[in-house]
mmCIF file of all heavy atoms, coordinates in Angstrom:
data_MODEL
# 
_entry.id   MODEL 
# 
loop_
_atom_site.group_PDB 
_atom_site.id 
_atom_site.type_symbol 
_atom_site.label_atom_id 
_atom_site.label_alt_id 
_atom_site.label_comp_id 
_atom_site.label_asym_id 
_atom_site.label_entity_id 
_atom_site.label_seq_id 
_atom_site.pdbx_PDB_ins_code 
_atom_site.Cartn_x 
_atom_site.Cartn_y 
_atom_site.Cartn_z 
_atom_site.occupancy 
_atom_site.B_iso_or_equiv 
_atom_site.pdbx_formal_charge 
_atom_site.auth_seq_id 
_atom_site.auth_comp_id 
_atom_site.auth_asym_id 
_atom_site.auth_atom_id 
_atom_site.pdbx_PDB_model_num 
ATOM 1   N N   . MET A 1 1  ? 123.732 94.131  111.831 1.00 0.00 ? 1  MET A N   1 
ATOM 2   C CA  . MET A 1 1  ? 122.272 94.070  111.744 1.00 0.00 ? 1  MET A CA  1 
ATOM 3   C C   . MET A 1 1  ? 121.703 95.479  111.635 1.00 0.00 ? 1  MET A C   1 
ATOM 4   O O   . MET A 1 1  ? 121.995 96.333  112.465 1.00 0.00 ? 1  MET A O   1 
ATOM 5   C CB  . MET A 1 1  ? 121.684 93.382  112.982 1.00 0.00 ? 1  MET A CB  1 
ATOM 6   C CG  . MET A 1 1  ? 122.085 91.924  113.118 1.00 0.00 ? 1  MET A CG  1 
ATOM 7   S SD  . MET A 1 1  ? 121.518 90.870  111.761 1.00 0.00 ? 1  MET A SD  1 
ATOM 8   C CE  . MET A 1 1  ? 119.768 90.865  112.040 1.00 0.00 ? 1  MET A CE  1 
ATOM 9   N N   . LEU A 1 2  ? 120.891 95.707  110.602 1.00 0.00 ? 2  LEU A N   1 
ATOM 10  C CA  . LEU A 1 2  ? 120.264 97.000  110.385 1.00 0.00 ? 2  LEU A CA  1 
ATOM 11  C C   . LEU A 1 2  ? 118.755 96.841  110.445 1.00 0.00 ? 2  LEU A C   1 
ATOM 12  O O   . LEU A 1 2  ? 118.203 95.864  109.927 1.00 0.00 ? 2  LEU A O   1 
ATOM 13  C CB  . LEU A 1 2  ? 120.652 97.577  109.023 1.00 0.00 ? 2  LEU A CB  1 
ATOM 14  C CG  . LEU A 1 2  ? 122.037 98.204  108.919 1.00 0.00 ? 2  LEU A CG  1 
ATOM 15  C CD1 . LEU A 1 2  ? 123.134 97.176  108.974 1.00 0.00 ? 2  LEU A CD1 1 
ATOM 16  C CD2 . LEU A 1 2  ? 122.124 99.014  107.646 1.00 0.00 ? 2  LEU A CD2 1 
ATOM 17  N N   . GLN A 1 3  ? 118.108 97.800  111.058 1.00 0.00 ? 3  GLN A N   1 
ATOM 18  C CA  . GLN A 1 3  ? 116.659 97.784  111.210 1.00 0.00 ? 3  GLN A CA  1 
ATOM 19  C C   . GLN A 1 3  ? 115.991 98.574  110.082 1.00 0.00 ? 3  GLN A C   1 
ATOM 20  O O   . GLN A 1 3  ? 116.636 99.370  109.395 1.00 0.00 ? 3  GLN A O   1 
ATOM 21  C CB  . GLN A 1 3  ? 116.271 98.374  112.572 1.00 0.00 ? 3  GLN A CB  1 
ATOM 22  C CG  . GLN A 1 3  ? 116.887 97.634  113.755 1.00 0.00 ? 3  GLN A CG  1 
ATOM 23  C CD  . GLN A 1 3  ? 116.575 96.152  113.746 1.00 0.00 ? 3  GLN A CD  1 
ATOM 24  O OE1 . GLN A 1 3  ? 115.424 95.752  113.624 1.00 0.00 ? 3  GLN A OE1 1 
ATOM 25  N NE2 . GLN A 1 3  ? 117.607 95.324  113.858 1.00 0.00 ? 3  GLN A NE2 1 
ATOM 26  N N   . ILE A 1 4  ? 114.700 98.370  109.916 1.00 0.00 ? 4  ILE A N   1 
ATOM 27  C CA  . ILE A 1 4  ? 113.924 99.107  108.919 1.00 0.00 ? 4  ILE A CA  1 
ATOM 28  C C   . ILE A 1 4  ? 114.121 100.606 109.163 1.00 0.00 ? 4  ILE A C   1 
ATOM 29  O O   . ILE A 1 4  ? 114.026 101.073 110.295 1.00 0.00 ? 4  ILE A O   1 
ATOM 30  C CB  . ILE A 1 4  ? 112.418 98.738  109.006 1.00 0.00 ? 4  ILE A CB  1 
ATOM 31  C CG1 . ILE A 1 4  ? 112.200 97.238  108.842 1.00 0.00 ? 4  ILE A CG1 1 
ATOM 32  C CG2 . ILE A 1 4  ? 111.598 99.552  108.000 1.00 0.00 ? 4  ILE A CG2 1 
ATOM 33  C CD1 . ILE A 1 4  ? 112.709 96.648  107.553 1.00 0.00 ? 4  ILE A CD1 1 
ATOM 34  N N   . GLY A 1 5  ? 114.420 101.327 108.107 1.00 0.00 ? 5  GLY A N   1 
ATOM 35  C CA  . GLY A 1 5  ? 114.623 102.764 108.200 1.00 0.00 ? 5  GLY A CA  1 
ATOM 36  C C   . GLY A 1 5  ? 116.070 103.183 108.405 1.00 0.00 ? 5  GLY A C   1 
ATOM 37  O O   . GLY A 1 5  ? 116.412 104.349 108.205 1.00 0.00 ? 5  GLY A O   1 
ATOM 38  N N   . ASP A 1 6  ? 116.946 102.254 108.813 1.00 0.00 ? 6  ASP A N   1 
ATOM 39  C CA  . ASP A 1 6  ? 118.358 102.588 108.978 1.00 0.00 ? 6  ASP A CA  1 
ATOM 40  C C   . ASP A 1 6  ? 118.993 102.884 107.624 1.00 0.00 ? 6  ASP A C   1 
ATOM 41  O O   . ASP A 1 6  ? 118.625 102.306 106.609 1.00 0.00 ? 6  ASP A O   1 
ATOM 42  C CB  . ASP A 1 6  ? 119.136 101.422 109.605 1.00 0.00 ? 6  ASP A CB  1 
ATOM 43  C CG  . ASP A 1 6  ? 118.910 101.267 111.099 1.00 0.00 ? 6  ASP A CG  1 
ATOM 44  O OD1 . ASP A 1 6  ? 118.290 102.157 111.718 1.00 0.00 ? 6  ASP A OD1 1 
ATOM 45  O OD2 . ASP A 1 6  ? 119.371 100.242 111.648 1.00 0.00 ? 6  ASP A OD2 1 
ATOM 46  N N   . ALA A 1 7  ? 119.988 103.746 107.632 1.00 0.00 ? 7  ALA A N   1 
ATOM 47  C CA  . ALA A 1 7  ? 120.783 103.992 106.432 1.00 0.00 ? 7  ALA A CA  1 
ATOM 48  C C   . ALA A 1 7  ? 121.833 102.891 106.317 1.00 0.00 ? 7  ALA A C   1 
ATOM 49  O O   . ALA A 1 7  ? 122.616 102.673 107.233 1.00 0.00 ? 7  ALA A O   1 
ATOM 50  C CB  . ALA A 1 7  ? 121.451 105.359 106.496 1.00 0.00 ? 7  ALA A CB  1 
ATOM 51  N N   . ALA A 1 8  ? 121.833 102.205 105.181 1.00 0.00 ? 8  ALA A N   1 
ATOM 52  C CA  . ALA A 1 8  ? 122.818 101.155 104.917 1.00 0.00 ? 8  ALA A CA  1 
ATOM 53  C C   . ALA A 1 8  ? 124.040 101.733 104.219 1.00 0.00 ? 8  ALA A C   1 
ATOM 54  O O   . ALA A 1 8  ? 125.162 101.273 104.436 1.00 0.00 ? 8  ALA A O   1 
ATOM 55  C CB  . ALA A 1 8  ? 122.206 100.048 104.064 1.00 0.00 ? 8  ALA A CB  1 
ATOM 56  N N   . VAL A 1 9  ? 123.817 102.732 103.385 1.00 0.00 ? 9  VAL A N   1 
ATOM 57  C CA  . VAL A 1 9  ? 124.915 103.389 102.671 1.00 0.00 ? 9  VAL A CA  1 
ATOM 58  C C   . VAL A 1 9  ? 124.616 104.874 102.589 1.00 0.00 ? 9  VAL A C   1 
ATOM 59  O O   . VAL A 1 9  ? 123.453 105.280 102.459 1.00 0.00 ? 9  VAL A O   1 
ATOM 60  C CB  . VAL A 1 9  ? 125.149 102.766 101.271 1.00 0.00 ? 9  VAL A CB  1 
ATOM 61  C CG1 . VAL A 1 9  ? 123.934 102.935 100.382 1.00 0.00 ? 9  VAL A CG1 1 
ATOM 62  C CG2 . VAL A 1 9  ? 126.391 103.320 100.603 1.00 0.00 ? 9  VAL A CG2 1 
ATOM 63  N N   . TRP A 1 10 ? 125.666 105.684 102.704 1.00 0.00 ? 10 TRP A N   1 
ATOM 64  C CA  . TRP A 1 10 ? 125.539 107.136 102.678 1.00 0.00 ? 10 TRP A CA  1 
ATOM 65  C C   . TRP A 1 10 ? 126.625 107.696 101.783 1.00 0.00 ? 10 TRP A C   1 
ATOM 66  O O   . TRP A 1 10 ? 127.797 107.299 101.890 1.00 0.00 ? 10 TRP A O   1 
ATOM 67  C CB  . TRP A 1 10 ? 125.676 107.667 104.098 1.00 0.00 ? 10 TRP A CB  1 
ATOM 68  C CG  . TRP A 1 10 ? 125.661 109.143 104.238 1.00 0.00 ? 10 TRP A CG  1 
ATOM 69  C CD1 . TRP A 1 10 ? 124.567 109.944 104.414 1.00 0.00 ? 10 TRP A CD1 1 
ATOM 70  C CD2 . TRP A 1 10 ? 126.793 110.025 104.232 1.00 0.00 ? 10 TRP A CD2 1 
ATOM 71  N NE1 . TRP A 1 10 ? 124.952 111.256 104.520 1.00 0.00 ? 10 TRP A NE1 1 
ATOM 72  C CE2 . TRP A 1 10 ? 126.327 111.333 104.406 1.00 0.00 ? 10 TRP A CE2 1 
ATOM 73  C CE3 . TRP A 1 10 ? 128.161 109.814 104.079 1.00 0.00 ? 10 TRP A CE3 1 
ATOM 74  C CZ2 . TRP A 1 10 ? 127.163 112.435 104.442 1.00 0.00 ? 10 TRP A CZ2 1 
ATOM 75  C CZ3 . TRP A 1 10 ? 129.009 110.920 104.112 1.00 0.00 ? 10 TRP A CZ3 1 
ATOM 76  C CH2 . TRP A 1 10 ? 128.506 112.210 104.300 1.00 0.00 ? 10 TRP A CH2 1 
ATOM 77  N N   . ILE A 1 11 ? 126.241 108.599 100.886 1.00 0.00 ? 11 ILE A N   1 
ATOM 78  C CA  . ILE A 1 11 ? 127.181 109.220 99.956  1.00 0.00 ? 11 ILE A CA  1 
ATOM 79  C C   . ILE A 1 11 ? 126.937 110.724 99.958  1.00 0.00 ? 11 ILE A C   1 
ATOM 80  O O   . ILE A 1 11 ? 125.785 111.173 99.945  1.00 0.00 ? 11 ILE A O   1 
ATOM 81  C CB  . ILE A 1 11 ? 126.993 108.673 98.519  1.00 0.00 ? 11 ILE A CB  1 
ATOM 82  C CG1 . ILE A 1 11 ? 127.294 107.181 98.484  1.00 0.00 ? 11 ILE A CG1 1 
ATOM 83  C CG2 . ILE A 1 11 ? 127.859 109.435 97.515  1.00 0.00 ? 11 ILE A CG2 1 
ATOM 84  C CD1 . ILE A 1 11 ? 126.863 106.506 97.199  1.00 0.00 ? 11 ILE A CD1 1 
ATOM 85  N N   . LYS A 1 12 ? 128.027 111.481 99.961  1.00 0.00 ? 12 LYS A N   1 
ATOM 86  C CA  . LYS A 1 12 ? 127.919 112.937 99.845  1.00 0.00 ? 12 LYS A CA  1 
ATOM 87  C C   . LYS A 1 12 ? 128.947 113.397 98.820  1.00 0.00 ? 12 LYS A C   1 
ATOM 88  O O   . LYS A 1 12 ? 130.118 113.001 98.876  1.00 0.00 ? 12 LYS A O   1 
ATOM 89  C CB  . LYS A 1 12 ? 128.183 113.614 101.187 1.00 0.00 ? 12 LYS A CB  1 
ATOM 90  C CG  . LYS A 1 12 ? 127.965 115.117 101.176 1.00 0.00 ? 12 LYS A CG  1 
ATOM 91  C CD  . LYS A 1 12 ? 128.058 115.678 102.589 1.00 0.00 ? 12 LYS A CD  1 
ATOM 92  C CE  . LYS A 1 12 ? 127.733 117.165 102.632 1.00 0.00 ? 12 LYS A CE  1 
ATOM 93  N NZ  . LYS A 1 12 ? 127.773 117.677 104.015 1.00 0.00 ? 12 LYS A NZ  1 
ATOM 94  N N   . VAL A 1 13 ? 128.489 114.222 97.873  1.00 0.00 ? 13 VAL A N   1 
ATOM 95  C CA  . VAL A 1 13 ? 129.353 114.743 96.821  1.00 0.00 ? 13 VAL A CA  1 
ATOM 96  C C   . VAL A 1 13 ? 129.181 116.257 96.749  1.00 0.00 ? 13 VAL A C   1 
ATOM 97  O O   . VAL A 1 13 ? 128.062 116.753 96.730  1.00 0.00 ? 13 VAL A O   1 
ATOM 98  C CB  . VAL A 1 13 ? 129.016 114.116 95.447  1.00 0.00 ? 13 VAL A CB  1 
ATOM 99  C CG1 . VAL A 1 13 ? 129.892 114.711 94.356  1.00 0.00 ? 13 VAL A CG1 1 
ATOM 100 C CG2 . VAL A 1 13 ? 129.153 112.601 95.484  1.00 0.00 ? 13 VAL A CG2 1 
ATOM 101 N N   . LEU A 1 14 ? 130.303 116.971 96.687  1.00 0.00 ? 14 LEU A N   1 
ATOM 102 C CA  . LEU A 1 14 ? 130.307 118.416 96.510  1.00 0.00 ? 14 LEU A CA  1 
ATOM 103 C C   . LEU A 1 14 ? 130.895 118.745 95.146  1.00 0.00 ? 14 LEU A C   1 
ATOM 104 O O   . LEU A 1 14 ? 131.899 118.155 94.746  1.00 0.00 ? 14 LEU A O   1 
ATOM 105 C CB  . LEU A 1 14 ? 131.183 119.093 97.569  1.00 0.00 ? 14 LEU A CB  1 
ATOM 106 C CG  . LEU A 1 14 ? 130.604 119.289 98.963  1.00 0.00 ? 14 LEU A CG  1 
ATOM 107 C CD1 . LEU A 1 14 ? 130.469 117.977 99.677  1.00 0.00 ? 14 LEU A CD1 1 
ATOM 108 C CD2 . LEU A 1 14 ? 131.470 120.246 99.746  1.00 0.00 ? 14 LEU A CD2 1 
ATOM 109 N N   . SER A 1 15 ? 130.261 119.677 94.459  1.00 0.00 ? 15 SER A N   1 
ATOM 110 C CA  . SER A 1 15 ? 130.724 120.106 93.143  1.00 0.00 ? 15 SER A CA  1 
ATOM 111 C C   . SER A 1 15 ? 130.303 121.553 92.924  1.00 0.00 ? 15 SER A C   1 
ATOM 112 O O   . SER A 1 15 ? 129.404 122.055 93.607  1.00 0.00 ? 15 SER A O   1 
ATOM 113 C CB  . SER A 1 15 ? 130.102 119.223 92.055  1.00 0.00 ? 15 SER A CB  1 
ATOM 114 O OG  . SER A 1 15 ? 130.502 119.661 90.780  1.00 0.00 ? 15 SER A OG  1 
ATOM 115 N N   . ALA A 1 16 ? 130.938 122.189 91.978  1.00 0.00 ? 16 ALA A N   1 
ATOM 116 C CA  . ALA A 1 16 ? 130.531 123.551 91.631  1.00 0.00 ? 16 ALA A CA  1 
ATOM 117 C C   . ALA A 1 16 ? 129.147 123.564 90.987  1.00 0.00 ? 16 ALA A C   1 
ATOM 118 O O   . ALA A 1 16 ? 128.399 124.526 91.131  1.00 0.00 ? 16 ALA A O   1 
ATOM 119 C CB  . ALA A 1 16 ? 131.556 124.183 90.693  1.00 0.00 ? 16 ALA A CB  1 
ATOM 120 N N   . HIS A 1 17 ? 128.801 122.470 90.285  1.00 0.00 ? 17 HIS A N   1 
ATOM 121 C CA  . HIS A 1 17 ? 127.542 122.412 89.549  1.00 0.00 ? 17 HIS A CA  1 
ATOM 122 C C   . HIS A 1 17 ? 126.788 121.126 89.858  1.00 0.00 ? 17 HIS A C   1 
ATOM 123 O O   . HIS A 1 17 ? 127.380 120.074 90.078  1.00 0.00 ? 17 HIS A O   1 
ATOM 124 C CB  . HIS A 1 17 ? 127.811 122.510 88.035  1.00 0.00 ? 17 HIS A CB  1 
ATOM 125 C CG  . HIS A 1 17 ? 128.541 123.753 87.670  1.00 0.00 ? 17 HIS A CG  1 
ATOM 126 N ND1 . HIS A 1 17 ? 127.940 124.983 87.643  1.00 0.00 ? 17 HIS A ND1 1 
ATOM 127 C CD2 . HIS A 1 17 ? 129.852 123.961 87.358  1.00 0.00 ? 17 HIS A CD2 1 
ATOM 128 C CE1 . HIS A 1 17 ? 128.827 125.901 87.321  1.00 0.00 ? 17 HIS A CE1 1 
ATOM 129 N NE2 . HIS A 1 17 ? 130.000 125.301 87.141  1.00 0.00 ? 17 HIS A NE2 1 
ATOM 130 N N   . ARG A 1 18 ? 125.464 121.192 89.824  1.00 0.00 ? 18 ARG A N   1 
ATOM 131 C CA  . ARG A 1 18 ? 124.612 120.080 90.249  1.00 0.00 ? 18 ARG A CA  1 
ATOM 132 C C   . ARG A 1 18 ? 124.763 118.827 89.393  1.00 0.00 ? 18 ARG A C   1 
ATOM 133 O O   . ARG A 1 18 ? 124.736 117.719 89.915  1.00 0.00 ? 18 ARG A O   1 
ATOM 134 C CB  . ARG A 1 18 ? 123.150 120.505 90.332  1.00 0.00 ? 18 ARG A CB  1 
ATOM 135 C CG  . ARG A 1 18 ? 122.516 120.841 89.004  1.00 0.00 ? 18 ARG A CG  1 
ATOM 136 C CD  . ARG A 1 18 ? 121.064 121.298 89.168  1.00 0.00 ? 18 ARG A CD  1 
ATOM 137 N NE  . ARG A 1 18 ? 120.526 121.692 87.891  1.00 0.00 ? 18 ARG A NE  1 
ATOM 138 C CZ  . ARG A 1 18 ? 120.553 122.927 87.410  1.00 0.00 ? 18 ARG A CZ  1 
ATOM 139 N NH1 . ARG A 1 18 ? 121.101 123.890 88.113  1.00 0.00 ? 18 ARG A NH1 1 
ATOM 140 N NH2 . ARG A 1 18 ? 120.040 123.183 86.233  1.00 0.00 ? 18 ARG A NH2 1 
ATOM 141 N N   . ASP A 1 19 ? 124.879 118.976 88.066  1.00 0.00 ? 19 ASP A N   1 
ATOM 142 C CA  . ASP A 1 19 ? 124.928 117.791 87.218  1.00 0.00 ? 19 ASP A CA  1 
ATOM 143 C C   . ASP A 1 19 ? 126.130 116.912 87.560  1.00 0.00 ? 19 ASP A C   1 
ATOM 144 O O   . ASP A 1 19 ? 126.008 115.695 87.633  1.00 0.00 ? 19 ASP A O   1 
ATOM 145 C CB  . ASP A 1 19 ? 124.935 118.162 85.739  1.00 0.00 ? 19 ASP A CB  1 
ATOM 146 C CG  . ASP A 1 19 ? 124.738 116.929 84.866  1.00 0.00 ? 19 ASP A CG  1 
ATOM 147 O OD1 . ASP A 1 19 ? 123.759 116.188 85.105  1.00 0.00 ? 19 ASP A OD1 1 
ATOM 148 O OD2 . ASP A 1 19 ? 125.570 116.691 83.981  1.00 0.00 ? 19 ASP A OD2 1 
ATOM 149 N N   . GLU A 1 20 ? 127.284 117.518 87.777  1.00 0.00 ? 20 GLU A N   1 
ATOM 150 C CA  . GLU A 1 20 ? 128.474 116.746 88.145  1.00 0.00 ? 20 GLU A CA  1 
ATOM 151 C C   . GLU A 1 20 ? 128.253 116.042 89.480  1.00 0.00 ? 20 GLU A C   1 
ATOM 152 O O   . GLU A 1 20 ? 128.648 114.887 89.648  1.00 0.00 ? 20 GLU A O   1 
ATOM 153 C CB  . GLU A 1 20 ? 129.708 117.651 88.224  1.00 0.00 ? 20 GLU A CB  1 
ATOM 154 C CG  . GLU A 1 20 ? 130.182 118.136 86.885  1.00 0.00 ? 20 GLU A CG  1 
ATOM 155 C CD  . GLU A 1 20 ? 130.791 117.037 86.031  1.00 0.00 ? 20 GLU A CD  1 
ATOM 156 O OE1 . GLU A 1 20 ? 131.572 116.213 86.541  1.00 0.00 ? 20 GLU A OE1 1 
ATOM 157 O OE2 . GLU A 1 20 ? 130.490 117.012 84.825  1.00 0.00 ? 20 GLU A OE2 1 
ATOM 158 N N   . ALA A 1 21 ? 127.644 116.721 90.429  1.00 0.00 ? 21 ALA A N   1 
ATOM 159 C CA  . ALA A 1 21 ? 127.391 116.114 91.747  1.00 0.00 ? 21 ALA A CA  1 
ATOM 160 C C   . ALA A 1 21 ? 126.426 114.937 91.628  1.00 0.00 ? 21 ALA A C   1 
ATOM 161 O O   . ALA A 1 21 ? 126.659 113.874 92.220  1.00 0.00 ? 21 ALA A O   1 
ATOM 162 C CB  . ALA A 1 21 ? 126.859 117.156 92.717  1.00 0.00 ? 21 ALA A CB  1 
ATOM 163 N N   . TYR A 1 22 ? 125.354 115.101 90.860  1.00 0.00 ? 22 TYR A N   1 
ATOM 164 C CA  . TYR A 1 22 ? 124.404 114.002 90.655  1.00 0.00 ? 22 TYR A CA  1 
ATOM 165 C C   . TYR A 1 22 ? 125.074 112.820 89.960  1.00 0.00 ? 22 TYR A C   1 
ATOM 166 O O   . TYR A 1 22 ? 124.930 111.673 90.380  1.00 0.00 ? 22 TYR A O   1 
ATOM 167 C CB  . TYR A 1 22 ? 123.210 114.449 89.794  1.00 0.00 ? 22 TYR A CB  1 
ATOM 168 C CG  . TYR A 1 22 ? 122.153 115.223 90.520  1.00 0.00 ? 22 TYR A CG  1 
ATOM 169 C CD1 . TYR A 1 22 ? 121.832 116.519 90.123  1.00 0.00 ? 22 TYR A CD1 1 
ATOM 170 C CD2 . TYR A 1 22 ? 121.456 114.670 91.593  1.00 0.00 ? 22 TYR A CD2 1 
ATOM 171 C CE1 . TYR A 1 22 ? 120.849 117.242 90.785  1.00 0.00 ? 22 TYR A CE1 1 
ATOM 172 C CE2 . TYR A 1 22 ? 120.475 115.400 92.256  1.00 0.00 ? 22 TYR A CE2 1 
ATOM 173 C CZ  . TYR A 1 22 ? 120.177 116.686 91.847  1.00 0.00 ? 22 TYR A CZ  1 
ATOM 174 O OH  . TYR A 1 22 ? 119.216 117.391 92.495  1.00 0.00 ? 22 TYR A OH  1 
ATOM 175 N N   . GLN A 1 23 ? 125.777 113.090 88.875  1.00 0.00 ? 23 GLN A N   1 
ATOM 176 C CA  . GLN A 1 23 ? 126.406 112.014 88.114  1.00 0.00 ? 23 GLN A CA  1 
ATOM 177 C C   . GLN A 1 23 ? 127.472 111.289 88.943  1.00 0.00 ? 23 GLN A C   1 
ATOM 178 O O   . GLN A 1 23 ? 127.578 110.062 88.879  1.00 0.00 ? 23 GLN A O   1 
ATOM 179 C CB  . GLN A 1 23 ? 127.021 112.567 86.815  1.00 0.00 ? 23 GLN A CB  1 
ATOM 180 C CG  . GLN A 1 23 ? 126.007 113.124 85.841  1.00 0.00 ? 23 GLN A CG  1 
ATOM 181 C CD  . GLN A 1 23 ? 124.971 112.094 85.428  1.00 0.00 ? 23 GLN A CD  1 
ATOM 182 O OE1 . GLN A 1 23 ? 125.286 110.934 85.206  1.00 0.00 ? 23 GLN A OE1 1 
ATOM 183 N NE2 . GLN A 1 23 ? 123.719 112.516 85.329  1.00 0.00 ? 23 GLN A NE2 1 
ATOM 184 N N   . ALA A 1 24 ? 128.244 112.023 89.706  1.00 0.00 ? 24 ALA A N   1 
ATOM 185 C CA  . ALA A 1 24 ? 129.274 111.410 90.540  1.00 0.00 ? 24 ALA A CA  1 
ATOM 186 C C   . ALA A 1 24 ? 128.643 110.539 91.623  1.00 0.00 ? 24 ALA A C   1 
ATOM 187 O O   . ALA A 1 24 ? 129.107 109.430 91.893  1.00 0.00 ? 24 ALA A O   1 
ATOM 188 C CB  . ALA A 1 24 ? 130.160 112.483 91.161  1.00 0.00 ? 24 ALA A CB  1 
ATOM 189 N N   . SER A 1 25 ? 127.565 111.011 92.223  1.00 0.00 ? 25 SER A N   1 
ATOM 190 C CA  . SER A 1 25 ? 126.870 110.232 93.256  1.00 0.00 ? 25 SER A CA  1 
ATOM 191 C C   . SER A 1 25 ? 126.333 108.927 92.677  1.00 0.00 ? 25 SER A C   1 
ATOM 192 O O   . SER A 1 25 ? 126.483 107.856 93.276  1.00 0.00 ? 25 SER A O   1 
ATOM 193 C CB  . SER A 1 25 ? 125.720 111.057 93.848  1.00 0.00 ? 25 SER A CB  1 
ATOM 194 O OG  . SER A 1 25 ? 124.980 110.294 94.756  1.00 0.00 ? 25 SER A OG  1 
ATOM 195 N N   . LYS A 1 26 ? 125.731 109.004 91.498  1.00 0.00 ? 26 LYS A N   1 
ATOM 196 C CA  . LYS A 1 26 ? 125.216 107.805 90.845  1.00 0.00 ? 26 LYS A CA  1 
ATOM 197 C C   . LYS A 1 26 ? 126.346 106.838 90.510  1.00 0.00 ? 26 LYS A C   1 
ATOM 198 O O   . LYS A 1 26 ? 126.222 105.629 90.720  1.00 0.00 ? 26 LYS A O   1 
ATOM 199 C CB  . LYS A 1 26 ? 124.427 108.167 89.581  1.00 0.00 ? 26 LYS A CB  1 
ATOM 200 C CG  . LYS A 1 26 ? 123.820 106.962 88.886  1.00 0.00 ? 26 LYS A CG  1 
ATOM 201 C CD  . LYS A 1 26 ? 123.038 107.354 87.667  1.00 0.00 ? 26 LYS A CD  1 
ATOM 202 C CE  . LYS A 1 26 ? 122.341 106.209 86.983  1.00 0.00 ? 26 LYS A CE  1 
ATOM 203 N NZ  . LYS A 1 26 ? 122.979 104.909 87.017  1.00 0.00 ? 26 LYS A NZ  1 
ATOM 204 N N   . TYR A 1 27 ? 127.441 107.367 90.014  1.00 0.00 ? 27 TYR A N   1 
ATOM 205 C CA  . TYR A 1 27 ? 128.592 106.528 89.695  1.00 0.00 ? 27 TYR A CA  1 
ATOM 206 C C   . TYR A 1 27 ? 129.087 105.803 90.951  1.00 0.00 ? 27 TYR A C   1 
ATOM 207 O O   . TYR A 1 27 ? 129.339 104.597 90.923  1.00 0.00 ? 27 TYR A O   1 
ATOM 208 C CB  . TYR A 1 27 ? 129.712 107.380 89.099  1.00 0.00 ? 27 TYR A CB  1 
ATOM 209 C CG  . TYR A 1 27 ? 130.958 106.594 88.770  1.00 0.00 ? 27 TYR A CG  1 
ATOM 210 C CD1 . TYR A 1 27 ? 131.039 105.849 87.606  1.00 0.00 ? 27 TYR A CD1 1 
ATOM 211 C CD2 . TYR A 1 27 ? 132.054 106.592 89.636  1.00 0.00 ? 27 TYR A CD2 1 
ATOM 212 C CE1 . TYR A 1 27 ? 132.184 105.111 87.303  1.00 0.00 ? 27 TYR A CE1 1 
ATOM 213 C CE2 . TYR A 1 27 ? 133.200 105.869 89.343  1.00 0.00 ? 27 TYR A CE2 1 
ATOM 214 C CZ  . TYR A 1 27 ? 133.253 105.127 88.184  1.00 0.00 ? 27 TYR A CZ  1 
ATOM 215 O OH  . TYR A 1 27 ? 134.377 104.390 87.897  1.00 0.00 ? 27 TYR A OH  1 
ATOM 216 N N   . ILE A 1 28 ? 129.201 106.524 92.046  1.00 0.00 ? 28 ILE A N   1 
ATOM 217 C CA  . ILE A 1 28 ? 129.698 105.917 93.291  1.00 0.00 ? 28 ILE A CA  1 
ATOM 218 C C   . ILE A 1 28 ? 128.791 104.776 93.731  1.00 0.00 ? 28 ILE A C   1 
ATOM 219 O O   . ILE A 1 28 ? 129.271 103.670 93.997  1.00 0.00 ? 28 ILE A O   1 
ATOM 220 C CB  . ILE A 1 28 ? 129.850 106.973 94.404  1.00 0.00 ? 28 ILE A CB  1 
ATOM 221 C CG1 . ILE A 1 28 ? 130.973 107.956 94.053  1.00 0.00 ? 28 ILE A CG1 1 
ATOM 222 C CG2 . ILE A 1 28 ? 130.125 106.299 95.753  1.00 0.00 ? 28 ILE A CG2 1 
ATOM 223 C CD1 . ILE A 1 28 ? 131.004 109.202 94.925  1.00 0.00 ? 28 ILE A CD1 1 
ATOM 224 N N   . ILE A 1 29 ? 127.481 104.987 93.819  1.00 0.00 ? 29 ILE A N   1 
ATOM 225 C CA  . ILE A 1 29 ? 126.598 103.919 94.318  1.00 0.00 ? 29 ILE A CA  1 
ATOM 226 C C   . ILE A 1 29 ? 126.583 102.740 93.352  1.00 0.00 ? 29 ILE A C   1 
ATOM 227 O O   . ILE A 1 29 ? 126.602 101.580 93.785  1.00 0.00 ? 29 ILE A O   1 
ATOM 228 C CB  . ILE A 1 29 ? 125.173 104.414 94.638  1.00 0.00 ? 29 ILE A CB  1 
ATOM 229 C CG1 . ILE A 1 29 ? 124.384 103.340 95.408  1.00 0.00 ? 29 ILE A CG1 1 
ATOM 230 C CG2 . ILE A 1 29 ? 124.411 104.842 93.408  1.00 0.00 ? 29 ILE A CG2 1 
ATOM 231 C CD1 . ILE A 1 29 ? 124.964 102.925 96.731  1.00 0.00 ? 29 ILE A CD1 1 
# 
């Protein structure tokens, strides 16, 4: 059971460059 405002899913991606990190995060979710 999760309440309003709780995080249901959390993703963290590290990359040398921002575009790869953004694209990888989107791919994962």
